[in-house]
N, C-alpha and C. Protein backbone atom coordinates (compact mmCIF):
# COMPACT_ATOMS: atom_id res chain seq x y z
N MET A 1 15.98 13.15 23.96
CA MET A 1 15.23 12.31 22.91
C MET A 1 14.42 12.07 22.73
N PHE A 2 13.83 11.30 21.35
CA PHE A 2 12.74 11.69 20.22
C PHE A 2 11.71 11.35 20.54
N ALA A 3 10.53 11.26 20.34
CA ALA A 3 8.91 10.45 20.46
C ALA A 3 8.84 9.61 19.36
N THR A 4 8.63 8.43 19.93
CA THR A 4 8.58 7.24 19.66
C THR A 4 6.74 7.19 18.97
N ARG A 5 7.08 7.11 17.35
CA ARG A 5 6.02 7.29 16.19
C ARG A 5 5.02 5.72 16.06
N THR A 6 3.70 6.05 15.85
CA THR A 6 3.43 4.34 15.92
C THR A 6 3.41 4.33 13.83
N MET A 7 3.85 3.88 13.51
CA MET A 7 3.64 3.26 11.87
C MET A 7 3.07 2.24 11.96
N LYS A 8 1.59 2.64 11.03
CA LYS A 8 0.99 1.44 10.71
C LYS A 8 1.07 0.60 9.59
N PRO A 9 0.21 -0.48 9.05
CA PRO A 9 0.84 -0.78 7.64
C PRO A 9 -0.19 -0.64 7.34
N PHE A 10 -0.15 -0.19 5.69
CA PHE A 10 -1.45 0.00 4.93
C PHE A 10 -0.44 -0.73 3.35
N TYR A 11 -1.66 -1.49 2.94
CA TYR A 11 -1.28 -2.70 1.22
C TYR A 11 -2.05 -1.73 0.16
N PHE A 12 -1.27 -1.28 -0.31
CA PHE A 12 -2.12 -0.72 -1.93
C PHE A 12 -1.74 -2.02 -3.21
N VAL A 13 -2.71 -2.46 -3.35
CA VAL A 13 -3.40 -3.46 -4.35
C VAL A 13 -3.54 -3.27 -5.01
N PHE A 14 -3.01 -3.61 -6.34
CA PHE A 14 -2.83 -4.19 -7.51
C PHE A 14 -3.76 -5.17 -8.51
N GLY A 15 -4.36 -4.38 -9.32
CA GLY A 15 -5.24 -5.53 -10.08
C GLY A 15 -4.60 -5.83 -11.22
N THR A 16 -5.61 -5.84 -12.57
CA THR A 16 -4.92 -6.53 -14.04
C THR A 16 -4.68 -5.52 -14.74
N ASP A 17 -5.11 -4.06 -14.69
CA ASP A 17 -5.04 -3.18 -15.38
C ASP A 17 -3.52 -2.72 -15.86
N SER A 18 -3.33 -2.89 -17.53
CA SER A 18 -1.85 -2.21 -17.79
C SER A 18 -1.39 -0.67 -17.00
N GLN A 19 -2.45 -0.02 -16.52
CA GLN A 19 -1.95 0.99 -16.01
C GLN A 19 -1.50 0.89 -14.19
N TYR A 20 -1.31 0.18 -14.19
CA TYR A 20 -0.81 0.13 -12.64
C TYR A 20 0.52 -0.37 -12.49
N PRO A 21 1.88 -0.45 -12.08
CA PRO A 21 3.02 -0.37 -11.80
C PRO A 21 2.89 -1.65 -11.75
N PHE A 22 2.27 -2.76 -11.09
CA PHE A 22 2.50 -4.40 -11.06
C PHE A 22 1.12 -4.76 -11.91
N TYR A 23 1.29 -6.29 -12.29
CA TYR A 23 0.70 -6.61 -12.14
C TYR A 23 -0.15 -7.73 -11.03
N LYS A 24 -1.00 -7.69 -10.04
CA LYS A 24 -1.69 -8.14 -9.05
C LYS A 24 -0.94 -8.06 -7.69
N GLY A 25 -1.36 -8.36 -6.61
CA GLY A 25 0.04 -8.07 -5.75
C GLY A 25 -0.40 -7.25 -5.11
N TRP A 26 0.90 -6.63 -3.86
CA TRP A 26 0.72 -5.33 -3.06
C TRP A 26 2.17 -4.40 -3.21
N ILE A 27 1.96 -3.77 -2.32
CA ILE A 27 2.56 -2.89 -1.89
C ILE A 27 2.86 -2.84 -0.61
N GLU A 28 3.35 -2.67 0.44
CA GLU A 28 3.39 -2.22 2.02
C GLU A 28 3.69 -0.77 2.27
N ILE A 29 3.52 -0.20 2.43
CA ILE A 29 4.08 1.14 3.32
C ILE A 29 3.57 1.36 4.97
N TYR A 30 4.93 1.13 5.43
CA TYR A 30 4.38 1.79 7.00
C TYR A 30 4.34 3.11 7.15
N ALA A 31 3.52 3.72 8.01
CA ALA A 31 3.23 5.43 8.13
C ALA A 31 2.25 5.71 8.71
N GLU A 32 2.40 6.64 9.51
CA GLU A 32 1.67 6.82 10.75
C GLU A 32 0.10 7.29 10.16
N SER A 33 0.05 7.33 8.99
CA SER A 33 -1.77 7.61 9.19
C SER A 33 -1.71 7.39 7.22
N LEU A 34 -3.45 7.21 6.93
CA LEU A 34 -3.12 6.71 4.80
C LEU A 34 -3.13 7.87 4.96
N GLU A 35 -3.36 9.09 5.01
CA GLU A 35 -2.63 10.16 4.14
C GLU A 35 -0.67 10.37 4.10
N GLN A 36 -0.61 9.89 4.93
CA GLN A 36 1.26 9.90 4.71
C GLN A 36 1.44 8.87 4.09
N ALA A 37 1.21 7.62 4.07
CA ALA A 37 1.33 6.40 2.96
C ALA A 37 0.67 6.83 1.36
N CYS A 38 0.03 7.59 1.59
CA CYS A 38 -0.55 7.67 0.24
C CYS A 38 0.58 8.57 -0.40
N LYS A 39 0.80 9.59 0.38
CA LYS A 39 2.27 10.62 0.18
C LYS A 39 3.93 9.84 -0.75
N VAL A 40 3.85 9.02 0.52
CA VAL A 40 4.72 8.22 0.13
C VAL A 40 4.96 7.05 -1.01
N PHE A 41 3.54 6.89 -1.25
CA PHE A 41 3.23 5.96 -2.60
C PHE A 41 3.30 6.65 -3.82
N ARG A 42 2.56 8.30 -3.61
CA ARG A 42 3.04 8.74 -4.78
C ARG A 42 4.20 9.17 -4.78
N VAL A 43 4.76 9.30 -4.88
CA VAL A 43 6.38 9.76 -4.90
C VAL A 43 7.07 8.36 -6.05
N TYR A 44 6.77 7.13 -5.63
CA TYR A 44 7.56 6.02 -6.17
C TYR A 44 6.57 5.54 -7.60
N PHE A 45 4.89 5.43 -7.35
CA PHE A 45 4.41 5.03 -8.13
C PHE A 45 3.29 6.99 -8.03
N PRO A 46 3.59 7.68 -9.22
CA PRO A 46 2.84 8.44 -9.19
C PRO A 46 1.34 8.20 -10.04
N ASP A 47 0.45 9.29 -9.98
CA ASP A 47 -1.10 8.68 -10.74
C ASP A 47 -1.26 9.16 -11.87
N TYR A 48 -1.92 7.66 -12.04
CA TYR A 48 -1.94 7.84 -13.55
C TYR A 48 -3.25 9.01 -14.06
N TYR A 49 -3.95 8.89 -13.28
CA TYR A 49 -4.51 10.14 -13.96
C TYR A 49 -5.07 10.70 -12.35
N THR A 50 -4.88 12.03 -12.48
CA THR A 50 -4.73 13.19 -11.18
C THR A 50 -5.66 13.09 -10.75
N GLY A 51 -5.42 12.74 -9.38
CA GLY A 51 -5.75 12.87 -7.94
C GLY A 51 -6.23 11.37 -7.86
N ILE A 52 -6.05 10.37 -8.29
CA ILE A 52 -6.47 9.00 -7.84
C ILE A 52 -5.09 8.54 -8.03
N VAL A 53 -5.09 7.77 -6.79
CA VAL A 53 -3.75 7.10 -6.66
C VAL A 53 -3.60 6.00 -7.38
N ASN A 54 -2.55 5.96 -7.60
CA ASN A 54 -2.21 4.63 -9.07
C ASN A 54 -2.38 3.05 -8.61
N CYS A 55 -3.27 2.62 -7.62
CA CYS A 55 -3.79 1.50 -7.17
C CYS A 55 -5.19 0.95 -7.52
N ALA A 56 -5.58 -0.54 -7.57
CA ALA A 56 -6.96 -0.50 -7.25
C ALA A 56 -7.84 -0.30 -5.98
N TRP A 57 -6.93 -0.34 -5.20
CA TRP A 57 -7.14 -0.65 -3.57
C TRP A 57 -6.41 -0.42 -2.40
N ILE A 58 -6.68 0.35 -1.50
CA ILE A 58 -5.74 0.49 -0.66
C ILE A 58 -6.32 -0.10 0.97
N TYR A 59 -5.86 -1.00 1.44
CA TYR A 59 -6.33 -1.49 3.06
C TYR A 59 -5.79 -1.50 4.14
N SER A 60 -6.55 -0.64 5.34
CA SER A 60 -5.58 -0.77 6.68
C SER A 60 -5.26 -2.28 7.15
N GLN A 61 -4.12 -2.23 8.21
CA GLN A 61 -4.02 -3.67 8.30
C GLN A 61 -5.42 -4.24 8.93
N GLU A 62 -6.27 -3.56 9.56
CA GLU A 62 -7.80 -4.85 9.82
C GLU A 62 -8.87 -5.13 8.85
N GLN A 63 -8.75 -4.10 7.89
CA GLN A 63 -9.03 -4.89 7.01
C GLN A 63 -8.29 -5.61 5.64
N TRP A 64 -6.83 -5.68 5.80
CA TRP A 64 -6.00 -6.49 5.39
C TRP A 64 -6.50 -7.94 5.91
N GLU A 65 -6.31 -8.11 7.03
CA GLU A 65 -6.48 -9.27 7.57
C GLU A 65 -7.70 -9.57 7.23
N LYS A 66 -8.90 -9.24 6.81
CA LYS A 66 -10.27 -9.74 6.80
C LYS A 66 -9.88 -10.25 5.50
N LYS A 67 -9.87 -9.57 4.28
CA LYS A 67 -9.80 -9.77 3.46
C LYS A 67 -8.83 -11.27 2.96
N VAL A 68 -7.39 -11.07 3.79
CA VAL A 68 -6.75 -12.63 3.83
C VAL A 68 -7.89 -13.95 4.24
N LYS A 69 -8.28 -13.45 5.40
CA LYS A 69 -9.41 -14.90 5.82
C LYS A 69 -9.95 -14.79 4.87
N GLU A 70 -10.74 -14.22 4.20
CA GLU A 70 -11.54 -14.39 3.23
C GLU A 70 -10.77 -14.86 2.18
N GLY A 71 -10.14 -15.51 2.03
CA GLY A 71 -9.16 -16.02 0.73
C GLY A 71 -8.47 -15.39 -0.22
N CYS A 72 -8.93 -13.56 -0.04
CA CYS A 72 -8.65 -13.13 -1.21
C CYS A 72 -6.94 -13.45 -1.44
N PHE A 73 -5.88 -13.25 -2.29
CA PHE A 73 -4.51 -12.68 -2.37
C PHE A 73 -4.47 -14.24 -2.11
N ASP A 74 -4.89 -15.02 -3.03
CA ASP A 74 -4.76 -16.81 -2.96
C ASP A 74 -3.87 -17.23 -3.84
N SER A 75 -4.19 -15.95 -4.94
CA SER A 75 -3.27 -16.54 -6.27
C SER A 75 -1.82 -16.41 -6.35
N PRO A 76 -0.88 -17.47 -6.99
CA PRO A 76 0.84 -17.04 -6.68
C PRO A 76 1.08 -16.04 -7.20
N ASP A 77 -0.08 -15.45 -8.48
CA ASP A 77 0.40 -13.62 -9.11
C ASP A 77 0.11 -12.39 -7.70
N ASP A 78 -0.30 -13.18 -6.57
CA ASP A 78 -0.50 -12.15 -5.65
C ASP A 78 0.39 -12.45 -4.55
N PHE A 79 1.27 -11.44 -4.48
CA PHE A 79 2.48 -11.47 -3.51
C PHE A 79 2.73 -9.40 -3.80
N CYS A 80 3.79 -9.44 -2.21
CA CYS A 80 4.25 -8.61 -1.79
C CYS A 80 5.29 -7.78 -2.84
N HIS A 81 5.01 -7.12 -3.49
CA HIS A 81 6.35 -6.62 -4.64
C HIS A 81 7.38 -5.53 -3.50
N GLY A 82 6.90 -4.91 -3.01
CA GLY A 82 7.99 -4.51 -1.82
C GLY A 82 7.53 -4.12 -0.57
N VAL A 83 7.73 -3.42 0.23
CA VAL A 83 7.71 -2.96 1.57
C VAL A 83 9.06 -1.53 1.92
N PHE A 84 7.84 -0.49 2.22
CA PHE A 84 8.41 0.76 2.52
C PHE A 84 8.17 1.02 4.10
N LYS A 85 9.59 1.66 4.77
CA LYS A 85 8.81 1.99 5.92
C LYS A 85 10.05 3.01 6.44
N PHE A 86 9.56 3.66 7.13
CA PHE A 86 10.30 5.43 7.27
C PHE A 86 10.10 5.32 9.27
N ASN A 87 11.14 6.28 9.01
CA ASN A 87 11.52 6.76 10.93
C ASN A 87 10.40 7.51 11.51
N SER A 88 10.08 8.66 9.99
CA SER A 88 9.66 9.57 10.46
C SER A 88 9.47 10.86 9.25
N MET A 89 8.55 11.16 9.10
CA MET A 89 8.36 12.21 7.74
C MET A 89 7.81 13.39 8.33
N ARG A 90 7.80 14.17 7.68
CA ARG A 90 7.78 15.80 8.50
C ARG A 90 7.08 16.57 6.90
């Protein structure tokens, strides 16, 4: 039997800079840790500048919920561009 791993959502948010893969909005990545989520993100969206994740902000679930309650991401341009879920990574 395999051990169940806890996958948490991380939100990779884009701004208006043309270097970002998307104009505004976000990508959700479910991973065991922020480090793992960043690795997954970089597979699909490589760094524009070496060593800097190619998005404006990265939020944990708790941080995300706070931002949403504050009214962030209410613009029609702000929507989820994709969700990435994995059973596990080695």
